[in-house]
């Protein structure tokens, strides 16, 4: 595994620290998966960890933004968000309809007690981080 060059905005740590502890642990786990996927993909050399809409967000040169969040109005779930105008979530729904729960065309949601299907989620993350290179492929190459 290579070490992707990670550019981190200090505001992200503050956001994670402001979540309830159990939520923070869940979202930090998703962050770990994003970093693992970026490190495992030789095409990704740089990853930016920043904020978008007040949420921890991850960007690559050839990818689409991935965001993580928990909302107080849905205290028993958290989500990984993708660009709603992309083909990402509609494609994930087609390929993984029996695996994940979706929120419209923008997110995969998890209940706090869910076991995350790691390999499938890593495939979704990889697809998002390389989206601009694969967006013309049928089912985004999944």
N, C-alpha and C. Protein backbone atom coordinates (compact mmCIF):
# COMPACT_ATOMS: atom_id res chain seq x y z
N UNK A 1 0.85 -1.18 0.00
CA UNK A 1 0.00 0.00 0.00
C UNK A 1 0.89 1.24 0.00
N UNK A 2 0.62 2.15 -0.93
CA UNK A 2 1.37 3.40 -0.99
C UNK A 2 0.77 4.40 0.00
N UNK A 3 1.45 5.49 0.21
CA UNK A 3 0.91 6.55 1.05
C UNK A 3 0.45 7.69 0.17
N UNK A 4 -0.85 7.84 0.06
CA UNK A 4 -1.40 8.95 -0.69
C UNK A 4 -1.06 10.25 0.05
N UNK A 5 -0.83 11.31 -0.69
CA UNK A 5 -0.54 12.61 -0.08
C UNK A 5 -1.88 13.20 0.39
N UNK A 6 -2.04 13.29 1.71
CA UNK A 6 -3.28 13.78 2.30
C UNK A 6 -3.12 15.23 2.73
N UNK A 7 -3.96 16.08 2.17
CA UNK A 7 -4.00 17.50 2.57
C UNK A 7 -5.23 17.65 3.46
N UNK A 8 -5.00 18.01 4.72
CA UNK A 8 -6.09 18.06 5.70
C UNK A 8 -6.36 19.48 6.16
N UNK A 9 -7.62 19.83 6.22
CA UNK A 9 -8.07 21.10 6.77
C UNK A 9 -8.34 20.86 8.26
N UNK A 10 -7.74 21.66 9.16
CA UNK A 10 -7.93 21.44 10.60
C UNK A 10 -9.38 21.54 11.06
N UNK A 11 -10.24 22.18 10.28
CA UNK A 11 -11.66 22.28 10.64
C UNK A 11 -12.33 20.90 10.69
N UNK A 12 -11.80 19.96 9.90
CA UNK A 12 -12.40 18.62 9.85
C UNK A 12 -12.33 17.95 11.22
N UNK A 13 -11.20 18.03 11.88
CA UNK A 13 -11.05 17.44 13.21
C UNK A 13 -12.04 18.06 14.19
N UNK A 14 -12.26 19.34 14.08
CA UNK A 14 -13.23 20.01 14.96
C UNK A 14 -14.64 19.47 14.72
N UNK A 15 -14.97 19.25 13.47
CA UNK A 15 -16.30 18.72 13.15
C UNK A 15 -16.46 17.32 13.75
N UNK A 16 -15.46 16.45 13.56
CA UNK A 16 -15.55 15.11 14.14
C UNK A 16 -15.67 15.18 15.66
N UNK A 17 -14.96 16.11 16.29
CA UNK A 17 -15.00 16.25 17.74
C UNK A 17 -16.34 16.75 18.25
N UNK A 18 -17.11 17.44 17.40
CA UNK A 18 -18.40 17.98 17.81
C UNK A 18 -19.55 16.99 17.69
N UNK A 19 -19.32 15.86 17.03
CA UNK A 19 -20.35 14.82 16.97
C UNK A 19 -20.38 14.09 18.30
N UNK A 20 -21.54 13.48 18.64
CA UNK A 20 -21.54 12.59 19.79
C UNK A 20 -20.50 11.48 19.58
N UNK A 21 -19.92 10.97 20.65
CA UNK A 21 -18.82 10.02 20.55
C UNK A 21 -19.14 8.80 19.67
N UNK A 22 -20.31 8.20 19.85
CA UNK A 22 -20.64 7.02 19.05
C UNK A 22 -20.74 7.37 17.56
N UNK A 23 -21.27 8.54 17.26
CA UNK A 23 -21.39 8.99 15.87
C UNK A 23 -20.00 9.25 15.29
N UNK A 24 -19.19 9.94 16.05
CA UNK A 24 -17.83 10.25 15.62
C UNK A 24 -17.07 8.98 15.26
N UNK A 25 -17.19 7.95 16.08
CA UNK A 25 -16.51 6.68 15.82
C UNK A 25 -16.96 6.07 14.50
N UNK A 26 -18.25 6.12 14.23
CA UNK A 26 -18.80 5.57 12.99
C UNK A 26 -18.27 6.35 11.78
N UNK A 27 -18.29 7.68 11.87
CA UNK A 27 -17.84 8.51 10.75
C UNK A 27 -16.32 8.40 10.55
N UNK A 28 -15.59 8.30 11.64
CA UNK A 28 -14.14 8.12 11.51
C UNK A 28 -13.80 6.77 10.87
N UNK A 29 -14.64 5.78 11.10
CA UNK A 29 -14.43 4.50 10.42
C UNK A 29 -14.63 4.66 8.91
N UNK A 30 -15.67 5.40 8.51
CA UNK A 30 -15.87 5.66 7.08
C UNK A 30 -14.68 6.42 6.50
N UNK A 31 -14.15 7.37 7.27
CA UNK A 31 -12.96 8.10 6.85
C UNK A 31 -11.79 7.13 6.62
N UNK A 32 -11.61 6.20 7.54
CA UNK A 32 -10.55 5.21 7.39
C UNK A 32 -10.72 4.41 6.10
N UNK A 33 -11.94 4.03 5.79
CA UNK A 33 -12.19 3.30 4.54
C UNK A 33 -11.84 4.14 3.33
N UNK A 34 -12.18 5.42 3.36
CA UNK A 34 -11.84 6.32 2.24
C UNK A 34 -10.33 6.39 2.07
N UNK A 35 -9.61 6.56 3.16
CA UNK A 35 -8.15 6.63 3.09
C UNK A 35 -7.55 5.31 2.58
N UNK A 36 -8.09 4.18 3.03
CA UNK A 36 -7.60 2.89 2.56
C UNK A 36 -7.80 2.74 1.06
N UNK A 37 -8.98 3.11 0.59
CA UNK A 37 -9.28 2.99 -0.84
C UNK A 37 -8.34 3.89 -1.65
N UNK A 38 -8.14 5.11 -1.19
CA UNK A 38 -7.24 6.03 -1.89
C UNK A 38 -5.82 5.46 -1.93
N UNK A 39 -5.37 4.90 -0.82
CA UNK A 39 -4.02 4.32 -0.76
C UNK A 39 -3.88 3.08 -1.64
N UNK A 40 -4.96 2.34 -1.82
CA UNK A 40 -4.91 1.12 -2.62
C UNK A 40 -5.01 1.38 -4.12
N UNK A 41 -5.38 2.59 -4.51
CA UNK A 41 -5.55 2.91 -5.92
C UNK A 41 -4.33 3.68 -6.42
N UNK A 42 -3.56 3.09 -7.31
CA UNK A 42 -2.33 3.72 -7.82
C UNK A 42 -2.59 5.00 -8.61
N UNK A 43 -3.81 5.20 -9.09
CA UNK A 43 -4.13 6.41 -9.84
C UNK A 43 -4.35 7.61 -8.92
N UNK A 44 -4.58 7.37 -7.66
CA UNK A 44 -4.83 8.45 -6.71
C UNK A 44 -3.53 8.76 -5.97
N UNK A 45 -3.02 9.96 -6.18
CA UNK A 45 -1.78 10.36 -5.51
C UNK A 45 -2.04 11.40 -4.42
N UNK A 46 -3.12 12.16 -4.57
CA UNK A 46 -3.45 13.22 -3.63
C UNK A 46 -4.90 13.10 -3.21
N UNK A 47 -5.15 13.33 -1.95
CA UNK A 47 -6.51 13.35 -1.41
C UNK A 47 -6.63 14.58 -0.53
N UNK A 48 -7.67 15.34 -0.75
CA UNK A 48 -7.91 16.53 0.08
C UNK A 48 -9.05 16.23 1.04
N UNK A 49 -8.79 16.46 2.32
CA UNK A 49 -9.81 16.34 3.36
C UNK A 49 -10.15 17.75 3.77
N UNK A 50 -11.38 18.15 3.52
CA UNK A 50 -11.79 19.53 3.78
C UNK A 50 -13.24 19.53 4.24
N UNK A 51 -13.90 20.66 4.17
CA UNK A 51 -15.31 20.73 4.53
C UNK A 51 -16.12 21.26 3.35
N UNK A 52 -17.28 20.71 3.18
CA UNK A 52 -18.28 21.19 2.23
C UNK A 52 -19.60 21.15 2.98
N UNK A 53 -20.32 22.25 2.97
CA UNK A 53 -21.59 22.34 3.68
C UNK A 53 -21.43 21.95 5.15
N UNK A 54 -20.27 22.25 5.73
CA UNK A 54 -20.01 21.97 7.13
C UNK A 54 -19.79 20.50 7.44
N UNK A 55 -19.54 19.71 6.41
CA UNK A 55 -19.36 18.26 6.59
C UNK A 55 -17.96 17.84 6.14
N UNK A 56 -17.37 16.84 6.80
CA UNK A 56 -16.08 16.32 6.34
C UNK A 56 -16.23 15.82 4.90
N UNK A 57 -15.31 16.26 4.03
CA UNK A 57 -15.41 15.98 2.61
C UNK A 57 -14.07 15.55 2.05
N UNK A 58 -14.12 14.71 1.02
CA UNK A 58 -12.91 14.12 0.45
C UNK A 58 -12.94 14.29 -1.06
N UNK A 59 -11.83 14.84 -1.61
CA UNK A 59 -11.75 15.15 -3.02
C UNK A 59 -10.45 14.64 -3.62
N UNK A 60 -10.53 14.20 -4.86
CA UNK A 60 -9.34 13.84 -5.63
C UNK A 60 -9.44 14.55 -6.97
N UNK A 61 -8.31 14.61 -7.67
CA UNK A 61 -8.24 15.30 -8.96
C UNK A 61 -9.25 14.74 -9.96
N UNK A 62 -9.38 13.46 -10.05
CA UNK A 62 -10.26 12.84 -11.05
C UNK A 62 -11.54 12.25 -10.46
N UNK A 63 -11.87 12.69 -9.23
CA UNK A 63 -13.03 12.11 -8.57
C UNK A 63 -14.14 13.10 -8.29
N UNK A 64 -15.17 12.57 -7.70
CA UNK A 64 -16.31 13.36 -7.27
C UNK A 64 -16.27 13.43 -5.74
N UNK A 65 -16.69 14.53 -5.18
CA UNK A 65 -16.62 14.75 -3.74
C UNK A 65 -17.44 13.71 -2.97
N UNK A 66 -16.85 13.21 -1.90
CA UNK A 66 -17.53 12.33 -0.95
C UNK A 66 -17.64 13.10 0.35
N UNK A 67 -18.83 13.09 0.97
CA UNK A 67 -19.02 13.75 2.25
C UNK A 67 -19.55 12.75 3.27
N UNK A 68 -19.30 13.04 4.54
CA UNK A 68 -19.78 12.21 5.65
C UNK A 68 -20.59 13.09 6.59
N UNK A 69 -21.69 12.54 7.13
CA UNK A 69 -22.41 13.35 8.11
C UNK A 69 -23.43 12.52 8.88
N UNK A 70 -23.86 13.10 9.96
CA UNK A 70 -24.92 12.62 10.83
C UNK A 70 -25.80 13.83 11.09
N UNK A 71 -27.09 13.64 11.06
CA UNK A 71 -28.01 14.75 11.27
C UNK A 71 -28.85 14.49 12.52
N UNK A 72 -28.99 15.50 13.33
CA UNK A 72 -29.73 15.36 14.59
C UNK A 72 -31.19 14.97 14.35
N UNK A 73 -31.75 15.35 13.21
CA UNK A 73 -33.15 14.99 12.93
C UNK A 73 -33.31 13.49 12.62
N UNK A 74 -32.19 12.80 12.34
CA UNK A 74 -32.18 11.34 12.15
C UNK A 74 -31.07 10.76 13.04
N UNK A 75 -31.28 10.80 14.37
CA UNK A 75 -30.19 10.47 15.29
C UNK A 75 -29.71 9.02 15.25
N UNK A 76 -30.48 8.13 14.64
CA UNK A 76 -30.10 6.72 14.64
C UNK A 76 -29.47 6.28 13.31
N UNK A 77 -29.11 7.27 12.46
CA UNK A 77 -28.45 6.91 11.21
C UNK A 77 -27.37 7.93 10.87
N UNK A 78 -26.46 7.51 10.03
CA UNK A 78 -25.41 8.38 9.49
C UNK A 78 -25.25 8.02 8.03
N UNK A 79 -24.51 8.85 7.28
CA UNK A 79 -24.49 8.64 5.84
C UNK A 79 -23.16 9.03 5.20
N UNK A 80 -22.95 8.45 4.02
CA UNK A 80 -21.88 8.84 3.14
C UNK A 80 -22.58 9.42 1.91
N UNK A 81 -22.24 10.68 1.59
CA UNK A 81 -22.92 11.43 0.54
C UNK A 81 -22.06 11.53 -0.71
N UNK A 82 -22.76 11.53 -1.85
CA UNK A 82 -22.12 11.67 -3.16
C UNK A 82 -22.82 12.78 -3.93
N UNK A 83 -22.20 13.26 -4.98
CA UNK A 83 -22.78 14.33 -5.79
C UNK A 83 -24.11 13.84 -6.38
N UNK A 84 -25.20 14.54 -6.05
CA UNK A 84 -26.53 14.09 -6.45
C UNK A 84 -26.79 14.26 -7.95
N UNK A 85 -25.99 15.04 -8.64
CA UNK A 85 -26.18 15.20 -10.08
C UNK A 85 -25.29 14.25 -10.89
N UNK A 86 -24.55 13.41 -10.20
CA UNK A 86 -23.71 12.42 -10.88
C UNK A 86 -24.50 11.12 -11.09
N UNK A 87 -23.88 10.16 -11.73
CA UNK A 87 -24.48 8.84 -11.92
C UNK A 87 -24.15 7.89 -10.76
N UNK A 88 -23.45 8.39 -9.74
CA UNK A 88 -22.94 7.52 -8.69
C UNK A 88 -24.04 6.76 -7.96
N UNK A 89 -24.90 7.44 -7.24
CA UNK A 89 -25.90 6.74 -6.42
C UNK A 89 -26.90 5.96 -7.29
N UNK A 90 -27.36 6.50 -8.43
CA UNK A 90 -28.22 5.65 -9.26
C UNK A 90 -27.54 4.35 -9.69
N UNK A 91 -26.25 4.42 -9.97
CA UNK A 91 -25.51 3.21 -10.33
C UNK A 91 -25.36 2.28 -9.13
N UNK A 92 -25.04 2.85 -7.97
CA UNK A 92 -24.92 2.03 -6.76
C UNK A 92 -26.25 1.32 -6.47
N UNK A 93 -27.36 2.02 -6.71
CA UNK A 93 -28.68 1.40 -6.50
C UNK A 93 -28.88 0.22 -7.44
N UNK A 94 -28.45 0.37 -8.68
CA UNK A 94 -28.61 -0.71 -9.65
C UNK A 94 -27.76 -1.92 -9.29
N UNK A 95 -26.55 -1.69 -8.83
CA UNK A 95 -25.61 -2.77 -8.54
C UNK A 95 -25.79 -3.35 -7.14
N UNK A 96 -26.08 -2.48 -6.17
CA UNK A 96 -26.10 -2.90 -4.76
C UNK A 96 -27.46 -2.69 -4.09
N UNK A 97 -28.55 -2.82 -4.85
CA UNK A 97 -29.88 -2.53 -4.28
C UNK A 97 -30.24 -3.41 -3.09
N UNK A 98 -29.68 -4.61 -3.02
CA UNK A 98 -29.97 -5.51 -1.90
C UNK A 98 -28.98 -5.34 -0.74
N UNK A 99 -27.96 -4.52 -0.94
CA UNK A 99 -26.88 -4.41 0.04
C UNK A 99 -27.01 -3.16 0.91
N UNK A 100 -27.38 -2.04 0.28
CA UNK A 100 -27.40 -0.74 0.97
C UNK A 100 -28.80 -0.15 1.05
N UNK A 101 -28.94 0.82 1.94
CA UNK A 101 -30.12 1.68 2.02
C UNK A 101 -29.69 3.03 1.47
N UNK A 102 -30.51 3.62 0.63
CA UNK A 102 -30.15 4.87 -0.05
C UNK A 102 -31.08 6.00 0.35
N UNK A 103 -30.55 7.20 0.26
CA UNK A 103 -31.34 8.41 0.44
C UNK A 103 -31.34 9.13 -0.90
N UNK A 104 -32.42 8.99 -1.63
CA UNK A 104 -32.53 9.63 -2.94
C UNK A 104 -31.36 9.27 -3.83
N UNK A 105 -30.86 10.27 -4.55
CA UNK A 105 -29.70 10.09 -5.43
C UNK A 105 -28.45 10.70 -4.82
N UNK A 106 -28.42 10.78 -3.46
CA UNK A 106 -27.29 11.47 -2.86
C UNK A 106 -26.54 10.74 -1.78
N UNK A 107 -27.08 9.65 -1.24
CA UNK A 107 -26.40 9.05 -0.09
C UNK A 107 -26.67 7.56 0.07
N UNK A 108 -25.73 6.91 0.73
CA UNK A 108 -25.91 5.59 1.30
C UNK A 108 -26.02 5.83 2.80
N UNK A 109 -27.06 5.31 3.41
CA UNK A 109 -27.27 5.54 4.84
C UNK A 109 -27.08 4.24 5.62
N UNK A 110 -26.67 4.41 6.87
CA UNK A 110 -26.46 3.28 7.77
C UNK A 110 -27.15 3.57 9.09
N UNK A 111 -27.77 2.56 9.66
CA UNK A 111 -28.28 2.68 11.02
C UNK A 111 -27.09 2.44 11.95
N UNK A 112 -27.16 2.98 13.15
CA UNK A 112 -26.04 2.88 14.08
C UNK A 112 -25.63 1.43 14.36
N UNK A 113 -26.60 0.52 14.36
CA UNK A 113 -26.29 -0.87 14.68
C UNK A 113 -25.92 -1.70 13.45
N UNK A 114 -25.96 -1.12 12.25
CA UNK A 114 -25.65 -1.86 11.03
C UNK A 114 -24.21 -2.34 10.99
N UNK A 115 -24.03 -3.49 10.38
CA UNK A 115 -22.70 -3.96 10.01
C UNK A 115 -22.47 -3.47 8.59
N UNK A 116 -21.40 -2.76 8.37
CA UNK A 116 -21.14 -2.18 7.05
C UNK A 116 -20.59 -3.26 6.11
N UNK A 117 -21.19 -3.39 4.92
CA UNK A 117 -20.63 -4.30 3.93
C UNK A 117 -19.38 -3.66 3.32
N UNK A 118 -18.24 -3.97 3.91
CA UNK A 118 -17.00 -3.25 3.64
C UNK A 118 -16.56 -3.32 2.18
N UNK A 119 -16.52 -4.50 1.61
CA UNK A 119 -16.01 -4.61 0.24
C UNK A 119 -16.89 -3.85 -0.75
N UNK A 120 -18.20 -3.94 -0.59
CA UNK A 120 -19.12 -3.23 -1.47
C UNK A 120 -18.98 -1.72 -1.29
N UNK A 121 -18.85 -1.28 -0.04
CA UNK A 121 -18.70 0.15 0.21
C UNK A 121 -17.38 0.65 -0.36
N UNK A 122 -16.32 -0.12 -0.24
CA UNK A 122 -15.04 0.28 -0.82
C UNK A 122 -15.15 0.41 -2.34
N UNK A 123 -15.94 -0.43 -2.97
CA UNK A 123 -16.14 -0.32 -4.41
C UNK A 123 -16.84 1.00 -4.75
N UNK A 124 -17.81 1.38 -3.95
CA UNK A 124 -18.52 2.64 -4.15
C UNK A 124 -17.58 3.83 -3.95
N UNK A 125 -16.78 3.77 -2.91
CA UNK A 125 -15.82 4.85 -2.62
C UNK A 125 -14.82 4.97 -3.76
N UNK A 126 -14.28 3.85 -4.22
CA UNK A 126 -13.32 3.87 -5.32
C UNK A 126 -13.94 4.47 -6.57
N UNK A 127 -15.16 4.10 -6.84
CA UNK A 127 -15.87 4.63 -8.02
C UNK A 127 -16.01 6.14 -7.91
N UNK A 128 -16.34 6.65 -6.73
CA UNK A 128 -16.48 8.09 -6.55
C UNK A 128 -15.13 8.80 -6.67
N UNK A 129 -14.09 8.21 -6.09
CA UNK A 129 -12.77 8.86 -6.12
C UNK A 129 -12.14 8.88 -7.51
N UNK A 130 -12.66 8.08 -8.44
CA UNK A 130 -12.14 8.05 -9.81
C UNK A 130 -13.23 8.38 -10.83
N UNK A 131 -14.31 8.95 -10.39
CA UNK A 131 -15.51 9.15 -11.20
C UNK A 131 -15.26 9.78 -12.57
N UNK A 132 -14.48 10.82 -12.65
CA UNK A 132 -14.31 11.53 -13.92
C UNK A 132 -13.56 10.70 -14.96
N UNK A 133 -12.86 9.67 -14.54
CA UNK A 133 -12.18 8.78 -15.48
C UNK A 133 -13.09 7.65 -15.94
N UNK A 134 -14.13 7.34 -15.19
CA UNK A 134 -14.97 6.17 -15.49
C UNK A 134 -16.42 6.51 -15.77
N UNK A 135 -16.79 7.78 -15.75
CA UNK A 135 -18.21 8.14 -15.81
C UNK A 135 -18.90 7.76 -17.10
N UNK A 136 -18.15 7.44 -18.15
CA UNK A 136 -18.80 7.03 -19.40
C UNK A 136 -18.93 5.51 -19.52
N UNK A 137 -18.36 4.76 -18.58
CA UNK A 137 -18.43 3.30 -18.63
C UNK A 137 -19.82 2.81 -18.20
N UNK A 138 -20.30 1.73 -18.81
CA UNK A 138 -21.56 1.15 -18.33
C UNK A 138 -21.43 0.79 -16.85
N UNK A 139 -22.44 1.15 -16.09
CA UNK A 139 -22.45 0.92 -14.64
C UNK A 139 -21.15 1.37 -13.97
N UNK A 140 -20.54 2.39 -14.54
CA UNK A 140 -19.30 2.99 -14.01
C UNK A 140 -18.19 1.96 -13.80
N UNK A 141 -18.26 0.88 -14.55
CA UNK A 141 -17.25 -0.14 -14.47
C UNK A 141 -17.41 -1.11 -13.30
N UNK A 142 -18.51 -0.96 -12.53
CA UNK A 142 -18.73 -1.86 -11.38
C UNK A 142 -19.15 -3.24 -11.84
